[in-house]
Structure formats: structure tokens, C-alpha cells
Amino acid sequence: MVNDQLGLVVVALNEQDGFAISTPRWQRLAQDALAWLGLQHGEVNLLFVDEQRMAQLNEDHLGNAYPTDVLAFPLDGDAATECGESLIGDVVLCPIRASAQAREHAGRGLHDGSVEDELALLIVHGILHLLGFDHYDRATTEQMQAREQAILQEHYWP
């Protein structure tokens, strides 16, 4: 999906079969989040995977031998230049993990505890990580969560 006015591209691939995924819906949310954060051009890849693939990625890149909900792989410097300077990075999501934890976030903002609300939260969370936001202490966690909620309220829960 391309936003012609801004030059933002979001490519989504569904490589799991545990949940039905509407890739156009999630591409649109990712693109809206990028625009909300001030980007005018660039590409993000969204990849939906099963628990086995997510566990492998988590172990290969973070040394954790278990599946997680979302991983973000930002590209910068030489890697971004080799990819044509427009690739922002990849967000990898595991819908099965999202489903398992969705109820934990119910009531946070307008999150109703559904898998869809959890996927929306994780997509925005992953995009924030691609752009350098993190949650390593209470202050940065609160800042990141405030951005997540603002984006979701404007582009997902209107």
C-alpha cells in the first residue's frame, strides 16, 4: 500500500494460518502511524508469523528461546543505504501471542481485549520502536504509551 501524497509504503505478508489477517487494514494503520509521527517517505514491512518462527527470530536476534508478541528491526546507516535509503525497517508480529495476551490490555485506552485491538497496539508499538522510541524506564514507558494511545485514538478507534 502506498500513500501517494507522502510516499509511505507498507508491505504486509501473512506467513501464518492461526488467525485471519486483513493485510490492507493493518497496512493502512501502519501508514497512518508513520504519517502521524511525521514521516513523509519510507517503507515498513509488516510480517505476521507463527509461534515457531517468532521464537526462532527472538532467539537469533535477542537470545530468548521463546515466542514473543512483536519484534522490531530498524534499518539505519549502511543497511538502509544498501536498501535504497527508504527502508525504515520490519515489524514482525505473532497473532497467536497477541491472542494469548489481549485480555491483559483490556481497558487501556479503548482496548476491548480483542485480538484486533491487540494487533493494532502491537503494530503501533513496533513502529515506535523502529523510529527509536523505547520503554527502558517509567518515564520513557509513559511517553511511548501516550504516543501509542494518541495514534490509536486518531487512526484506529475514531
N, C-alpha and C. Protein backbone atom coordinates (compact mmCIF):
# COMPACT_ATOMS: atom_id res chain seq x y z
N MET A 1 0.86 -1.18 0.00
CA MET A 1 0.00 0.00 0.00
C MET A 1 0.90 1.23 0.00
N VAL A 2 0.61 2.17 -0.87
CA VAL A 2 1.39 3.39 -0.99
C VAL A 2 0.49 4.59 -0.74
N ASN A 3 0.97 5.52 0.05
CA ASN A 3 0.29 6.80 0.22
C ASN A 3 0.95 7.74 -0.78
N ASP A 4 0.27 8.01 -1.89
CA ASP A 4 0.87 8.79 -2.97
C ASP A 4 1.29 10.19 -2.53
N GLN A 5 0.56 10.79 -1.61
CA GLN A 5 0.89 12.14 -1.18
C GLN A 5 2.17 12.16 -0.36
N LEU A 6 2.39 11.13 0.43
CA LEU A 6 3.55 11.16 1.32
C LEU A 6 4.69 10.25 0.87
N GLY A 7 4.43 9.30 0.01
CA GLY A 7 5.49 8.37 -0.38
C GLY A 7 5.78 7.34 0.68
N LEU A 8 4.79 7.01 1.49
CA LEU A 8 4.95 5.98 2.51
C LEU A 8 4.45 4.65 1.96
N VAL A 9 5.26 3.62 2.11
CA VAL A 9 4.91 2.29 1.62
C VAL A 9 4.92 1.34 2.81
N VAL A 10 3.87 0.55 2.93
CA VAL A 10 3.82 -0.51 3.93
C VAL A 10 3.50 -1.80 3.19
N VAL A 11 4.38 -2.76 3.32
CA VAL A 11 4.20 -4.07 2.72
C VAL A 11 3.87 -5.04 3.85
N ALA A 12 2.80 -5.81 3.70
CA ALA A 12 2.40 -6.76 4.73
C ALA A 12 2.37 -8.16 4.14
N LEU A 13 2.95 -9.10 4.88
CA LEU A 13 2.96 -10.50 4.48
C LEU A 13 2.41 -11.34 5.62
N ASN A 14 1.47 -12.21 5.30
CA ASN A 14 0.89 -13.10 6.29
C ASN A 14 1.47 -14.49 6.08
N GLU A 15 2.36 -14.90 6.97
CA GLU A 15 3.02 -16.19 6.86
C GLU A 15 2.59 -17.13 7.98
N GLN A 16 1.38 -16.97 8.46
CA GLN A 16 0.83 -17.83 9.50
C GLN A 16 -0.62 -18.13 9.14
N ASP A 17 -1.16 -19.18 9.73
CA ASP A 17 -2.54 -19.50 9.42
C ASP A 17 -3.40 -19.68 10.66
N GLY A 18 -2.91 -19.21 11.80
CA GLY A 18 -3.66 -19.31 13.05
C GLY A 18 -4.81 -18.32 13.14
N PHE A 19 -4.68 -17.18 12.47
CA PHE A 19 -5.69 -16.13 12.50
C PHE A 19 -5.86 -15.52 11.12
N ALA A 20 -7.07 -15.18 10.80
CA ALA A 20 -7.32 -14.45 9.56
C ALA A 20 -6.77 -13.04 9.72
N ILE A 21 -5.98 -12.62 8.77
CA ILE A 21 -5.34 -11.31 8.82
C ILE A 21 -5.79 -10.49 7.62
N SER A 22 -6.30 -9.29 7.88
CA SER A 22 -6.65 -8.36 6.81
C SER A 22 -5.45 -7.45 6.58
N THR A 23 -4.58 -7.85 5.68
CA THR A 23 -3.35 -7.07 5.47
C THR A 23 -3.64 -5.62 5.07
N PRO A 24 -4.64 -5.33 4.23
CA PRO A 24 -4.88 -3.91 3.90
C PRO A 24 -5.23 -3.08 5.14
N ARG A 25 -5.99 -3.65 6.05
CA ARG A 25 -6.35 -2.92 7.28
C ARG A 25 -5.11 -2.55 8.08
N TRP A 26 -4.20 -3.51 8.26
CA TRP A 26 -3.01 -3.26 9.08
C TRP A 26 -2.00 -2.40 8.34
N GLN A 27 -1.93 -2.52 7.02
CA GLN A 27 -1.07 -1.62 6.23
C GLN A 27 -1.51 -0.18 6.42
N ARG A 28 -2.80 0.04 6.36
CA ARG A 28 -3.35 1.39 6.50
C ARG A 28 -3.03 1.96 7.88
N LEU A 29 -3.20 1.16 8.93
CA LEU A 29 -2.88 1.64 10.28
C LEU A 29 -1.40 1.98 10.39
N ALA A 30 -0.54 1.12 9.88
CA ALA A 30 0.90 1.38 9.95
C ALA A 30 1.26 2.66 9.20
N GLN A 31 0.67 2.83 8.05
CA GLN A 31 0.94 4.03 7.25
C GLN A 31 0.45 5.29 7.98
N ASP A 32 -0.73 5.21 8.57
CA ASP A 32 -1.26 6.35 9.33
C ASP A 32 -0.37 6.67 10.52
N ALA A 33 0.13 5.64 11.19
CA ALA A 33 1.02 5.87 12.33
C ALA A 33 2.31 6.56 11.89
N LEU A 34 2.87 6.11 10.79
CA LEU A 34 4.10 6.73 10.27
C LEU A 34 3.87 8.20 9.94
N ALA A 35 2.76 8.48 9.27
CA ALA A 35 2.43 9.87 8.92
C ALA A 35 2.21 10.70 10.18
N TRP A 36 1.50 10.15 11.17
CA TRP A 36 1.25 10.85 12.43
C TRP A 36 2.57 11.21 13.12
N LEU A 37 3.55 10.35 12.96
CA LEU A 37 4.87 10.56 13.58
C LEU A 37 5.76 11.48 12.74
N GLY A 38 5.23 11.99 11.63
CA GLY A 38 5.94 13.00 10.86
C GLY A 38 6.74 12.49 9.68
N LEU A 39 6.65 11.20 9.37
CA LEU A 39 7.38 10.70 8.22
C LEU A 39 6.65 11.04 6.95
N GLN A 40 7.41 11.35 5.92
CA GLN A 40 6.81 11.69 4.63
C GLN A 40 7.12 10.66 3.56
N HIS A 41 8.17 9.87 3.78
CA HIS A 41 8.50 8.82 2.83
C HIS A 41 9.25 7.72 3.56
N GLY A 42 9.23 6.56 2.97
CA GLY A 42 9.91 5.40 3.54
C GLY A 42 9.05 4.16 3.44
N GLU A 43 9.66 3.04 3.75
CA GLU A 43 8.97 1.75 3.66
C GLU A 43 9.12 0.97 4.95
N VAL A 44 8.03 0.37 5.36
CA VAL A 44 8.00 -0.54 6.50
C VAL A 44 7.38 -1.85 6.04
N ASN A 45 7.95 -2.94 6.50
CA ASN A 45 7.39 -4.26 6.23
C ASN A 45 6.75 -4.79 7.49
N LEU A 46 5.51 -5.27 7.37
CA LEU A 46 4.81 -5.95 8.45
C LEU A 46 4.80 -7.43 8.10
N LEU A 47 5.23 -8.26 9.03
CA LEU A 47 5.26 -9.69 8.78
C LEU A 47 4.53 -10.40 9.91
N PHE A 48 3.50 -11.16 9.57
CA PHE A 48 2.72 -11.92 10.54
C PHE A 48 3.21 -13.37 10.48
N VAL A 49 3.69 -13.89 11.63
CA VAL A 49 4.30 -15.22 11.66
C VAL A 49 3.70 -16.08 12.76
N ASP A 50 4.00 -17.38 12.70
CA ASP A 50 3.53 -18.29 13.74
C ASP A 50 4.52 -18.30 14.92
N GLU A 51 4.16 -18.99 15.97
CA GLU A 51 4.98 -19.00 17.18
C GLU A 51 6.36 -19.60 16.95
N GLN A 52 6.46 -20.62 16.13
CA GLN A 52 7.75 -21.24 15.87
C GLN A 52 8.71 -20.26 15.22
N ARG A 53 8.23 -19.55 14.20
CA ARG A 53 9.09 -18.56 13.51
C ARG A 53 9.45 -17.41 14.44
N MET A 54 8.48 -16.97 15.25
CA MET A 54 8.76 -15.87 16.17
C MET A 54 9.78 -16.29 17.22
N ALA A 55 9.67 -17.51 17.73
CA ALA A 55 10.65 -18.00 18.71
C ALA A 55 12.04 -18.03 18.10
N GLN A 56 12.13 -18.46 16.84
CA GLN A 56 13.43 -18.52 16.16
C GLN A 56 14.03 -17.12 15.99
N LEU A 57 13.21 -16.18 15.55
CA LEU A 57 13.68 -14.80 15.39
C LEU A 57 14.12 -14.21 16.73
N ASN A 58 13.34 -14.46 17.77
CA ASN A 58 13.66 -13.94 19.10
C ASN A 58 14.98 -14.52 19.59
N GLU A 59 15.18 -15.82 19.36
CA GLU A 59 16.44 -16.44 19.79
C GLU A 59 17.62 -15.93 18.95
N ASP A 60 17.44 -15.86 17.64
CA ASP A 60 18.53 -15.42 16.76
C ASP A 60 18.98 -14.00 17.06
N HIS A 61 18.04 -13.11 17.38
CA HIS A 61 18.37 -11.69 17.50
C HIS A 61 18.48 -11.19 18.93
N LEU A 62 17.78 -11.83 19.86
CA LEU A 62 17.81 -11.35 21.25
C LEU A 62 18.26 -12.41 22.25
N GLY A 63 18.50 -13.63 21.77
CA GLY A 63 18.96 -14.70 22.65
C GLY A 63 17.88 -15.28 23.54
N ASN A 64 16.61 -15.03 23.22
CA ASN A 64 15.49 -15.55 24.00
C ASN A 64 14.82 -16.67 23.23
N ALA A 65 14.83 -17.87 23.77
CA ALA A 65 14.31 -19.05 23.06
C ALA A 65 12.82 -19.26 23.32
N TYR A 66 12.02 -18.23 23.08
CA TYR A 66 10.57 -18.34 23.23
C TYR A 66 9.91 -17.34 22.29
N PRO A 67 8.66 -17.61 21.93
CA PRO A 67 7.98 -16.65 21.05
C PRO A 67 7.57 -15.41 21.83
N THR A 68 7.59 -14.30 21.16
CA THR A 68 7.14 -13.04 21.76
C THR A 68 6.04 -12.47 20.86
N ASP A 69 5.47 -11.35 21.26
CA ASP A 69 4.35 -10.78 20.52
C ASP A 69 4.78 -9.96 19.31
N VAL A 70 5.82 -9.15 19.47
CA VAL A 70 6.26 -8.28 18.39
C VAL A 70 7.76 -8.06 18.49
N LEU A 71 8.40 -8.00 17.35
CA LEU A 71 9.81 -7.64 17.25
C LEU A 71 9.93 -6.55 16.20
N ALA A 72 10.79 -5.60 16.45
CA ALA A 72 11.03 -4.51 15.50
C ALA A 72 12.50 -4.53 15.11
N PHE A 73 12.73 -4.44 13.82
CA PHE A 73 14.08 -4.45 13.28
C PHE A 73 14.30 -3.18 12.47
N PRO A 74 14.76 -2.11 13.12
CA PRO A 74 15.01 -0.87 12.37
C PRO A 74 16.25 -1.01 11.50
N LEU A 75 16.21 -0.36 10.36
CA LEU A 75 17.38 -0.29 9.49
C LEU A 75 17.87 1.14 9.48
N ASP A 76 19.14 1.30 9.66
CA ASP A 76 19.72 2.63 9.57
C ASP A 76 21.15 2.51 9.09
N GLY A 77 21.74 3.62 8.84
CA GLY A 77 23.13 3.62 8.40
C GLY A 77 23.34 2.86 7.11
N ASP A 78 24.35 1.99 7.09
CA ASP A 78 24.73 1.25 5.88
C ASP A 78 23.61 0.35 5.39
N ALA A 79 22.89 -0.31 6.32
CA ALA A 79 21.82 -1.22 5.91
C ALA A 79 20.74 -0.47 5.16
N ALA A 80 20.36 0.69 5.63
CA ALA A 80 19.32 1.47 4.96
C ALA A 80 19.80 1.97 3.61
N THR A 81 21.05 2.37 3.53
CA THR A 81 21.62 2.86 2.27
C THR A 81 21.64 1.74 1.24
N GLU A 82 22.02 0.54 1.66
CA GLU A 82 22.04 -0.60 0.74
C GLU A 82 20.65 -0.93 0.23
N CYS A 83 19.63 -0.62 0.99
CA CYS A 83 18.25 -0.91 0.59
C CYS A 83 17.59 0.28 -0.10
N GLY A 84 18.34 1.24 -0.52
CA GLY A 84 17.80 2.36 -1.27
C GLY A 84 17.40 3.53 -0.38
N GLU A 85 17.86 3.57 0.84
CA GLU A 85 17.65 4.66 1.79
C GLU A 85 16.20 4.90 2.18
N SER A 86 15.29 4.06 1.72
CA SER A 86 13.91 4.30 2.08
C SER A 86 13.35 3.26 3.04
N LEU A 87 14.06 2.18 3.27
CA LEU A 87 13.55 1.14 4.14
C LEU A 87 13.76 1.54 5.60
N ILE A 88 12.66 1.71 6.30
CA ILE A 88 12.70 2.09 7.72
C ILE A 88 12.98 0.87 8.57
N GLY A 89 12.34 -0.25 8.22
CA GLY A 89 12.57 -1.48 8.95
C GLY A 89 11.40 -2.43 8.87
N ASP A 90 11.50 -3.48 9.67
CA ASP A 90 10.49 -4.54 9.69
C ASP A 90 9.86 -4.64 11.07
N VAL A 91 8.55 -4.87 11.08
CA VAL A 91 7.82 -5.18 12.31
C VAL A 91 7.27 -6.59 12.13
N VAL A 92 7.66 -7.49 13.01
CA VAL A 92 7.23 -8.88 12.95
C VAL A 92 6.26 -9.12 14.10
N LEU A 93 5.09 -9.68 13.76
CA LEU A 93 4.04 -9.89 14.76
C LEU A 93 3.62 -11.35 14.80
N CYS A 94 3.26 -11.80 15.99
CA CYS A 94 2.77 -13.17 16.17
C CYS A 94 1.33 -13.10 16.67
N PRO A 95 0.35 -13.28 15.79
CA PRO A 95 -1.05 -13.18 16.20
C PRO A 95 -1.44 -14.16 17.31
N ILE A 96 -0.83 -15.34 17.36
CA ILE A 96 -1.16 -16.29 18.43
C ILE A 96 -0.75 -15.72 19.78
N ARG A 97 0.43 -15.11 19.86
CA ARG A 97 0.87 -14.47 21.11
C ARG A 97 -0.03 -13.27 21.42
N ALA A 98 -0.40 -12.51 20.41
CA ALA A 98 -1.30 -11.38 20.62
C ALA A 98 -2.62 -11.85 21.22
N SER A 99 -3.12 -12.96 20.70
CA SER A 99 -4.37 -13.51 21.21
C SER A 99 -4.24 -13.92 22.68
N ALA A 100 -3.13 -14.52 23.02
CA ALA A 100 -2.92 -15.01 24.38
C ALA A 100 -2.85 -13.88 25.41
N GLN A 101 -2.44 -12.71 24.99
CA GLN A 101 -2.26 -11.62 25.96
C GLN A 101 -3.25 -10.48 25.80
N ALA A 102 -4.13 -10.57 24.83
CA ALA A 102 -5.04 -9.45 24.52
C ALA A 102 -5.84 -8.98 25.73
N ARG A 103 -6.33 -9.90 26.52
CA ARG A 103 -7.15 -9.51 27.68
C ARG A 103 -6.37 -8.71 28.72
N GLU A 104 -5.05 -8.88 28.77
CA GLU A 104 -4.22 -8.13 29.73
C GLU A 104 -4.29 -6.63 29.48
N HIS A 105 -4.51 -6.24 28.22
CA HIS A 105 -4.53 -4.81 27.87
C HIS A 105 -5.94 -4.23 27.80
N ALA A 106 -6.95 -5.05 28.06
CA ALA A 106 -8.33 -4.57 28.03
C ALA A 106 -8.48 -3.41 29.02
N GLY A 107 -9.13 -2.36 28.57
CA GLY A 107 -9.35 -1.20 29.42
C GLY A 107 -8.27 -0.15 29.33
N ARG A 108 -7.17 -0.47 28.68
CA ARG A 108 -6.10 0.51 28.47
C ARG A 108 -6.48 1.32 27.24
N GLY A 109 -6.83 2.56 27.45
CA GLY A 109 -7.38 3.36 26.35
C GLY A 109 -8.73 2.77 26.00
N LEU A 110 -8.96 2.54 24.74
CA LEU A 110 -10.22 1.95 24.30
C LEU A 110 -10.06 0.47 23.93
N HIS A 111 -8.95 -0.13 24.33
CA HIS A 111 -8.67 -1.55 24.05
C HIS A 111 -9.74 -2.40 24.71
N ASP A 112 -10.42 -3.23 23.91
CA ASP A 112 -11.52 -4.04 24.45
C ASP A 112 -11.13 -5.47 24.77
N GLY A 113 -9.85 -5.79 24.67
CA GLY A 113 -9.38 -7.14 24.96
C GLY A 113 -9.43 -8.07 23.77
N SER A 114 -9.77 -7.55 22.59
CA SER A 114 -9.84 -8.38 21.38
C SER A 114 -8.46 -8.56 20.74
N VAL A 115 -8.36 -9.60 19.93
CA VAL A 115 -7.12 -9.83 19.19
C VAL A 115 -6.85 -8.66 18.25
N GLU A 116 -7.91 -8.12 17.63
CA GLU A 116 -7.74 -7.00 16.71
C GLU A 116 -7.16 -5.78 17.41
N ASP A 117 -7.70 -5.47 18.59
CA ASP A 117 -7.16 -4.33 19.34
C ASP A 117 -5.71 -4.57 19.75
N GLU A 118 -5.40 -5.81 20.08
CA GLU A 118 -4.02 -6.14 20.47
C GLU A 118 -3.08 -6.02 19.28
N LEU A 119 -3.50 -6.51 18.12
CA LEU A 119 -2.66 -6.36 16.92
C LEU A 119 -2.44 -4.89 16.58
N ALA A 120 -3.49 -4.09 16.70
CA ALA A 120 -3.34 -2.65 16.43
C ALA A 120 -2.31 -2.04 17.38
N LEU A 121 -2.42 -2.36 18.66
CA LEU A 121 -1.47 -1.85 19.65
C LEU A 121 -0.05 -2.29 19.32
N LEU A 122 0.12 -3.56 18.97
CA LEU A 122 1.45 -4.09 18.68
C LEU A 122 2.05 -3.49 17.41
N ILE A 123 1.23 -3.24 16.40
CA ILE A 123 1.73 -2.61 15.18
C ILE A 123 2.25 -1.21 15.49
N VAL A 124 1.48 -0.43 16.22
CA VAL A 124 1.91 0.92 16.57
C VAL A 124 3.15 0.86 17.47
N HIS A 125 3.14 -0.05 18.42
CA HIS A 125 4.28 -0.23 19.32
C HIS A 125 5.55 -0.56 18.52
N GLY A 126 5.43 -1.48 17.57
CA GLY A 126 6.58 -1.86 16.75
C GLY A 126 7.09 -0.71 15.90
N ILE A 127 6.17 0.07 15.35
CA ILE A 127 6.58 1.23 14.54
C ILE A 127 7.32 2.25 15.40
N LEU A 128 6.83 2.48 16.61
CA LEU A 128 7.54 3.39 17.51
C LEU A 128 8.95 2.90 17.78
N HIS A 129 9.11 1.59 17.97
CA HIS A 129 10.46 1.05 18.16
C HIS A 129 11.33 1.28 16.92
N LEU A 130 10.75 1.12 15.73
CA LEU A 130 11.53 1.36 14.51
C LEU A 130 12.09 2.77 14.48
N LEU A 131 11.33 3.70 15.05
CA LEU A 131 11.72 5.11 14.99
C LEU A 131 12.50 5.56 16.22
N GLY A 132 12.94 4.61 17.03
CA GLY A 132 13.84 4.94 18.13
C GLY A 132 13.19 5.11 19.49
N PHE A 133 11.89 4.96 19.58
CA PHE A 133 11.23 5.07 20.88
C PHE A 133 11.43 3.77 21.65
N ASP A 134 11.52 3.88 22.96
CA ASP A 134 11.75 2.69 23.78
C ASP A 134 11.07 2.86 25.12
N HIS A 135 11.13 1.81 25.94
CA HIS A 135 10.48 1.81 27.25
C HIS A 135 11.41 1.18 28.27
N TYR A 136 12.52 1.85 28.52
CA TYR A 136 13.53 1.30 29.42
C TYR A 136 13.38 1.79 30.85
N ASP A 137 12.53 2.76 31.10
CA ASP A 137 12.24 3.20 32.47
C ASP A 137 10.81 3.75 32.49
N ARG A 138 10.38 4.18 33.65
CA ARG A 138 8.98 4.62 33.79
C ARG A 138 8.64 5.81 32.89
N ALA A 139 9.54 6.78 32.82
CA ALA A 139 9.27 7.98 32.02
C ALA A 139 9.16 7.65 30.53
N THR A 140 10.10 6.84 30.00
CA THR A 140 10.04 6.52 28.58
C THR A 140 8.86 5.59 28.28
N THR A 141 8.51 4.74 29.22
CA THR A 141 7.34 3.87 29.05
C THR A 141 6.08 4.71 28.95
N GLU A 142 5.94 5.69 29.83
CA GLU A 142 4.76 6.55 29.80
C GLU A 142 4.69 7.37 28.52
N GLN A 143 5.84 7.87 28.05
CA GLN A 143 5.87 8.63 26.79
C GLN A 143 5.47 7.75 25.61
N MET A 144 6.00 6.54 25.59
CA MET A 144 5.69 5.64 24.49
C MET A 144 4.21 5.25 24.51
N GLN A 145 3.69 4.94 25.68
CA GLN A 145 2.28 4.58 25.79
C GLN A 145 1.37 5.75 25.41
N ALA A 146 1.75 6.96 25.75
CA ALA A 146 0.95 8.13 25.37
C ALA A 146 0.90 8.27 23.85
N ARG A 147 2.03 8.05 23.18
CA ARG A 147 2.05 8.11 21.72
C ARG A 147 1.19 6.99 21.13
N GLU A 148 1.33 5.80 21.67
CA GLU A 148 0.50 4.68 21.19
C GLU A 148 -0.98 5.03 21.26
N GLN A 149 -1.40 5.50 22.42
CA GLN A 149 -2.81 5.82 22.61
C GLN A 149 -3.28 6.94 21.69
N ALA A 150 -2.45 7.96 21.50
CA ALA A 150 -2.82 9.08 20.63
C ALA A 150 -3.00 8.59 19.19
N ILE A 151 -2.08 7.77 18.71
CA ILE A 151 -2.18 7.24 17.35
C ILE A 151 -3.40 6.35 17.21
N LEU A 152 -3.60 5.46 18.16
CA LEU A 152 -4.74 4.54 18.09
C LEU A 152 -6.07 5.30 18.18
N GLN A 153 -6.14 6.31 19.01
CA GLN A 153 -7.39 7.05 19.12
C GLN A 153 -7.70 7.84 17.85
N GLU A 154 -6.68 8.30 17.18
CA GLU A 154 -6.92 9.06 15.96
C GLU A 154 -7.14 8.18 14.74
N HIS A 155 -6.46 7.03 14.70
CA HIS A 155 -6.48 6.23 13.46
C HIS A 155 -7.09 4.84 13.58
N TYR A 156 -7.39 4.40 14.79
CA TYR A 156 -7.94 3.06 14.93
C TYR A 156 -9.27 3.07 15.67
N TRP A 157 -9.41 3.91 16.68
CA TRP A 157 -10.63 3.98 17.48
C TRP A 157 -11.35 5.30 17.29
N PRO A 158 -11.58 5.76 16.06
CA PRO A 158 -12.22 7.07 15.91
C PRO A 158 -13.67 7.06 16.41
